Amino acid sequence: MSWLPALRQLMRRRIVMVAAVVLAAIALLALGAPWFTAFDPNDTAVLDRLKGPNGAHWMGTDELGRDLYARILHGARYSLAIAALTAAGAVLCGAALGLVAGFFQRLDAPLMRLVDAMMSFPDILLAIALVAILGSSLTNVVLALVLVYTPRVARVVRASTLVVRELLFVEAARALGLRTSRILWRHILPNLMSPILVQLSFIFAYAILAEAGLSFLGVGVPPEIPTWGTMVAGSQQYAHQAFWIVLFPGLAIIVTALSLQLFGDGVRDMLDPKLKQTV
């Protein structure tokens, strides 16, 4: 597939282009957070607590007088890092699991029964249980979310592997006596990149929402780590006095997740042969 024409075709959809621009802007603000704000996200000023948006504090201040704009920009680093690590880990583990299950028939049934068992639990409940077992930390939250979303990827990759392994070029590779590892790596995996990329974009969005949900319930990352989720969780009791301390972190979560979903839809349509004509 030629990626440049496909990318141009993707960007012809206005909503996808807007989503891509929003995501690029969020990533830029997160990476350059120290240069885009004059305040330290952890500096407290009790006299300025719960002040509304003004010229000095564009998004107001929180219950400790900390600049909310600075905290949201710096918090984007943690939230996006958690989501990116979760998406990467789930895709790597899920792709490996699905590839093995789809190619080796003897392993298919036991592996898929394990996947079915994990998917029988609601995502958030399974994540809460795993964090409770592992302990509340940034690393454990990422690990728990990877375990939650790996089965999703595994099922998609397995289904695609079952189709690809029966194609003529794979049969030809077997007939030539190529090693199984080479067939998997060079002939099957490249043909699974379309569903894998789509799952990557969707899981990125799911992970942002899941981390916020875990933090809101008090079982996510420690409160001292300023993710968007911990900001919303920590400001609940002050929301009736200062709505902005919940509004702006919540908007950051919604805008980022929505943009990722829209971009993921565009990527899926671009890579789906049945939908390419409509992109």
Protein backbone atom coordinates (compact mmCIF):
# COMPACT_ATOMS: atom_id res chain seq x y z
CA MET A 1 0.00 0.00 0.00
CA SER A 2 1.34 3.43 -0.91
CA TRP A 3 1.16 5.47 2.27
CA LEU A 4 1.48 8.96 0.77
CA PRO A 5 -1.63 8.77 -1.47
CA ALA A 6 -3.51 7.01 1.33
CA LEU A 7 -2.55 9.78 3.77
CA ARG A 8 -3.69 12.44 1.31
CA GLN A 9 -6.96 10.59 0.87
CA LEU A 10 -7.39 10.36 4.63
CA MET A 11 -6.83 14.08 5.11
CA ARG A 12 -9.53 14.93 2.58
CA ARG A 13 -12.02 14.15 5.34
CA ARG A 14 -12.37 17.41 7.19
CA ILE A 15 -13.28 15.87 10.54
CA VAL A 16 -10.23 13.59 10.43
CA MET A 17 -7.96 16.50 9.57
CA VAL A 18 -9.37 18.53 12.47
CA ALA A 19 -8.83 15.59 14.83
CA ALA A 20 -5.24 15.20 13.61
CA VAL A 21 -4.53 18.91 14.14
CA VAL A 22 -6.02 18.80 17.66
CA LEU A 23 -3.93 15.75 18.56
CA ALA A 24 -0.79 17.38 17.18
CA ALA A 25 -1.49 20.54 19.19
CA ILE A 26 -2.07 18.55 22.40
CA ALA A 27 1.16 16.59 21.87
CA LEU A 28 3.08 19.82 21.19
CA LEU A 29 1.69 21.51 24.31
CA ALA A 30 2.53 18.45 26.42
CA LEU A 31 6.09 18.20 25.13
CA GLY A 32 6.72 21.92 25.47
CA ALA A 33 4.79 22.42 28.72
CA PRO A 34 7.61 24.31 30.55
CA TRP A 35 7.83 26.81 27.67
CA PHE A 36 4.09 27.39 27.28
CA THR A 37 3.38 28.44 30.87
CA ALA A 38 5.10 30.73 33.35
CA PHE A 39 3.97 28.81 36.42
CA ASP A 40 5.28 25.68 38.07
CA PRO A 41 2.44 23.12 38.29
CA ASN A 42 3.28 22.35 41.92
CA ASP A 43 3.73 25.90 43.24
CA THR A 44 1.03 26.69 45.79
CA ALA A 45 -0.37 30.14 46.60
CA VAL A 46 -3.04 29.89 49.28
CA LEU A 47 -4.12 33.51 48.80
CA ASP A 48 -4.94 32.75 45.17
CA ARG A 49 -6.87 29.53 45.80
CA LEU A 50 -10.03 28.85 43.77
CA LYS A 51 -9.69 31.97 41.63
CA GLY A 52 -11.54 31.95 38.35
CA PRO A 53 -9.91 32.34 34.92
CA ASN A 54 -8.19 35.70 34.58
CA GLY A 55 -5.29 37.37 32.81
CA ALA A 56 -2.67 35.79 35.07
CA HIS A 57 -4.26 32.35 35.40
CA TRP A 58 -5.96 31.52 32.10
CA MET A 59 -7.87 28.55 33.53
CA GLY A 60 -8.03 29.73 37.13
CA THR A 61 -6.45 28.09 40.16
CA ASP A 62 -7.25 24.98 42.18
CA GLU A 63 -7.90 24.47 45.89
CA LEU A 64 -4.20 25.03 46.72
CA GLY A 65 -3.75 28.05 44.48
CA ARG A 66 -1.87 26.12 41.80
CA ASP A 67 -2.20 27.36 38.23
CA LEU A 68 -4.66 25.02 36.50
CA TYR A 69 -3.37 25.73 32.99
CA ALA A 70 0.17 24.72 34.01
CA ARG A 71 -1.12 21.57 35.71
CA ILE A 72 -3.16 20.53 32.69
CA LEU A 73 -0.19 20.98 30.34
CA HIS A 74 2.16 19.06 32.59
CA GLY A 75 -0.54 16.52 33.39
CA ALA A 76 -0.91 15.85 29.67
CA ARG A 77 2.58 14.32 29.77
CA TYR A 78 1.53 11.72 32.31
CA SER A 79 -1.90 11.02 30.82
CA LEU A 80 -0.56 10.66 27.29
CA ALA A 81 2.43 8.62 28.48
CA ILE A 82 0.16 6.19 30.35
CA ALA A 83 -2.12 5.89 27.32
CA ALA A 84 0.78 5.46 24.89
CA LEU A 85 2.49 2.79 27.02
CA THR A 86 -0.82 0.99 27.48
CA ALA A 87 -1.59 1.04 23.76
CA ALA A 88 1.91 -0.10 22.82
CA GLY A 89 1.97 -2.87 25.43
CA ALA A 90 -1.52 -4.14 24.61
CA VAL A 91 -0.82 -4.15 20.87
CA LEU A 92 2.51 -5.97 21.25
CA CYS A 93 1.15 -8.60 23.65
CA GLY A 94 -2.17 -8.94 21.87
CA ALA A 95 -0.59 -9.21 18.43
CA ALA A 96 1.81 -11.92 19.62
CA LEU A 97 -0.99 -13.83 21.35
CA GLY A 98 -3.38 -13.54 18.42
CA LEU A 99 -0.70 -14.47 15.89
CA VAL A 100 0.24 -17.63 17.80
CA ALA A 101 -3.39 -18.60 18.42
CA GLY A 102 -4.37 -18.06 14.80
CA PHE A 103 -1.41 -19.87 13.24
CA PHE A 104 -0.98 -22.84 15.57
CA GLN A 105 -4.26 -24.75 15.76
CA ARG A 106 -3.26 -26.73 18.85
CA LEU A 107 -2.81 -23.52 20.84
CA ASP A 108 -5.90 -21.79 19.51
CA ALA A 109 -8.50 -23.27 21.86
CA PRO A 110 -6.65 -22.85 25.20
CA LEU A 111 -5.44 -19.34 24.39
CA MET A 112 -8.85 -18.17 23.21
CA ARG A 113 -10.55 -19.62 26.28
CA LEU A 114 -8.17 -17.54 28.40
CA VAL A 115 -8.97 -14.47 26.29
CA ASP A 116 -12.72 -15.14 26.59
CA ALA A 117 -12.39 -15.45 30.36
CA MET A 118 -10.65 -12.08 30.60
CA MET A 119 -13.15 -10.40 28.29
CA SER A 120 -16.08 -11.70 30.33
CA PHE A 121 -15.31 -9.02 32.95
CA PRO A 122 -16.13 -5.35 32.33
CA ASP A 123 -12.94 -3.43 31.55
CA ILE A 124 -13.12 -1.06 34.49
CA LEU A 125 -13.89 -3.82 37.02
CA LEU A 126 -11.00 -5.95 35.79
CA ALA A 127 -8.68 -2.93 35.92
CA ILE A 128 -9.77 -2.12 39.48
CA ALA A 129 -9.17 -5.71 40.58
CA LEU A 130 -5.73 -5.81 38.97
CA VAL A 131 -4.64 -2.48 40.49
CA ALA A 132 -5.92 -3.65 43.89
CA ILE A 133 -3.76 -6.77 43.57
CA LEU A 134 -0.67 -5.06 42.13
CA GLY A 135 -0.83 -1.84 44.15
CA SER A 136 -1.47 1.78 43.24
CA SER A 137 1.38 3.18 41.16
CA LEU A 138 1.88 4.54 37.65
CA THR A 139 3.67 1.37 36.52
CA ASN A 140 0.99 -0.91 37.95
CA VAL A 141 -1.81 1.11 36.36
CA VAL A 142 -0.13 0.75 32.96
CA LEU A 143 0.39 -2.97 33.54
CA ALA A 144 -3.23 -3.46 34.61
CA LEU A 145 -4.54 -1.60 31.55
CA VAL A 146 -2.26 -3.60 29.26
CA LEU A 147 -3.71 -6.81 30.68
CA VAL A 148 -7.23 -5.45 30.25
CA TYR A 149 -6.84 -4.46 26.58
CA THR A 150 -4.56 -7.24 25.36
CA PRO A 151 -7.50 -9.66 24.80
CA ARG A 152 -9.20 -7.14 22.48
CA VAL A 153 -6.18 -7.02 20.22
CA ALA A 154 -5.61 -10.76 20.45
CA ARG A 155 -9.08 -11.57 19.14
CA VAL A 156 -8.80 -9.16 16.21
CA VAL A 157 -5.32 -10.38 15.24
CA ARG A 158 -6.32 -14.03 15.58
CA ALA A 159 -9.30 -13.54 13.26
CA SER A 160 -7.10 -11.86 10.64
CA THR A 161 -4.39 -14.53 11.02
CA LEU A 162 -6.92 -17.30 10.36
CA VAL A 163 -7.67 -15.68 7.01
CA VAL A 164 -4.11 -14.82 5.99
CA ARG A 165 -2.61 -18.22 6.83
CA GLU A 166 -4.83 -19.86 4.17
CA LEU A 167 -3.75 -17.54 1.35
CA LEU A 168 -1.66 -18.86 -1.54
CA PHE A 169 1.53 -16.95 -0.76
CA VAL A 170 1.63 -18.48 2.74
CA GLU A 171 1.06 -21.95 1.27
CA ALA A 172 3.88 -21.28 -1.19
CA ALA A 173 6.20 -20.25 1.64
CA ARG A 174 5.41 -23.46 3.46
CA ALA A 175 6.00 -25.50 0.31
CA LEU A 176 9.42 -23.87 -0.08
CA GLY A 177 10.33 -25.07 3.42
CA LEU A 178 10.66 -21.67 5.05
CA ARG A 179 10.92 -21.64 8.81
CA THR A 180 7.73 -20.96 10.74
CA SER A 181 9.25 -17.88 12.39
CA ARG A 182 10.11 -16.42 8.99
CA ILE A 183 6.61 -17.09 7.65
CA LEU A 184 5.07 -15.38 10.67
CA TRP A 185 7.43 -12.40 10.62
CA ARG A 186 7.84 -11.78 6.90
CA HIS A 187 4.59 -13.01 5.34
CA ILE A 188 1.76 -12.93 7.88
CA LEU A 189 2.52 -10.07 10.28
CA PRO A 190 2.91 -7.37 7.57
CA ASN A 191 -0.58 -8.25 6.31
CA LEU A 192 -2.03 -7.71 9.79
CA MET A 193 -0.81 -4.14 10.19
CA SER A 194 -4.13 -2.58 9.16
CA PRO A 195 -6.23 -3.99 12.05
CA ILE A 196 -3.29 -3.57 14.44
CA LEU A 197 -2.97 0.16 13.66
CA VAL A 198 -6.70 0.67 14.08
CA GLN A 199 -6.64 -1.10 17.45
CA LEU A 200 -3.66 1.02 18.50
CA SER A 201 -5.55 4.27 17.96
CA PHE A 202 -8.69 3.06 19.71
CA ILE A 203 -6.86 1.61 22.73
CA PHE A 204 -4.97 4.90 23.09
CA ALA A 205 -8.33 6.64 23.57
CA TYR A 206 -9.71 3.90 25.81
CA ALA A 207 -6.64 4.09 28.04
CA ILE A 208 -7.03 7.83 28.61
CA LEU A 209 -10.63 7.31 29.72
CA ALA A 210 -9.74 4.23 31.80
CA GLU A 211 -6.93 6.03 33.65
CA ALA A 212 -9.27 8.93 34.41
CA GLY A 213 -11.92 6.50 35.64
CA LEU A 214 -9.49 4.67 37.90
CA SER A 215 -8.19 7.92 39.36
CA PHE A 216 -11.73 9.21 39.87
CA LEU A 217 -12.53 6.05 41.84
CA GLY A 218 -9.36 6.46 43.91
CA VAL A 219 -7.56 3.35 42.64
CA GLY A 220 -5.44 4.91 39.90
CA VAL A 221 -2.06 6.56 40.05
CA PRO A 222 -1.07 8.27 43.33
CA PRO A 223 -2.66 11.73 43.84
CA GLU A 224 0.72 13.50 43.73
CA ILE A 225 1.08 12.59 40.04
CA PRO A 226 -0.86 15.31 38.16
CA THR A 227 -2.70 13.31 35.52
CA TRP A 228 -5.97 14.65 34.19
CA GLY A 229 -7.78 11.92 36.08
CA THR A 230 -6.24 12.78 39.45
CA MET A 231 -7.07 16.46 38.87
CA VAL A 232 -10.74 15.67 38.40
CA ALA A 233 -10.72 13.25 41.34
CA GLY A 234 -8.99 15.69 43.70
CA SER A 235 -11.27 18.61 42.90
CA GLN A 236 -14.66 16.90 43.35
CA GLN A 237 -15.41 18.46 46.75
CA TYR A 238 -14.67 21.97 45.45
CA ALA A 239 -16.66 21.70 42.20
CA HIS A 240 -19.65 23.60 43.64
CA GLN A 241 -17.37 26.52 44.55
CA ALA A 242 -15.16 26.54 41.47
CA PHE A 243 -16.55 24.62 38.52
CA TRP A 244 -13.49 25.33 36.36
CA ILE A 245 -11.21 23.01 38.34
CA VAL A 246 -13.35 20.10 37.12
CA LEU A 247 -14.37 21.57 33.77
CA PHE A 248 -10.97 22.11 32.18
CA PRO A 249 -9.34 18.75 33.06
CA GLY A 250 -12.58 17.05 32.00
CA LEU A 251 -12.57 18.90 28.68
CA ALA A 252 -8.95 17.88 28.13
CA ILE A 253 -9.92 14.22 28.59
CA ILE A 254 -12.99 14.50 26.35
CA VAL A 255 -11.30 16.41 23.54
CA THR A 256 -8.28 14.11 23.45
CA ALA A 257 -10.32 10.89 23.57
CA LEU A 258 -12.80 12.16 20.97
CA SER A 259 -10.03 13.27 18.62
CA LEU A 260 -8.34 9.87 18.92
CA GLN A 261 -11.61 8.09 18.19
CA LEU A 262 -12.31 10.24 15.13
CA PHE A 263 -8.77 9.79 13.86
CA GLY A 264 -9.00 6.04 14.48
CA ASP A 265 -12.25 5.90 12.50
CA GLY A 266 -10.52 7.66 9.64
CA VAL A 267 -7.58 5.24 9.71
CA ARG A 268 -9.98 2.28 9.77
CA ASP A 269 -11.88 3.62 6.76
CA MET A 270 -8.64 4.30 4.92
CA LEU A 271 -7.35 0.76 5.47
CA ASP A 272 -10.67 -1.03 4.82
CA PRO A 273 -10.90 -1.89 1.11
CA LYS A 274 -14.70 -1.79 1.25
CA LEU A 275 -14.68 1.79 2.54
CA LYS A 276 -11.78 3.33 0.64
CA GLN A 277 -14.03 4.71 -2.04
CA THR A 278 -15.97 6.74 0.52
CA VAL A 279 -12.98 8.19 2.37
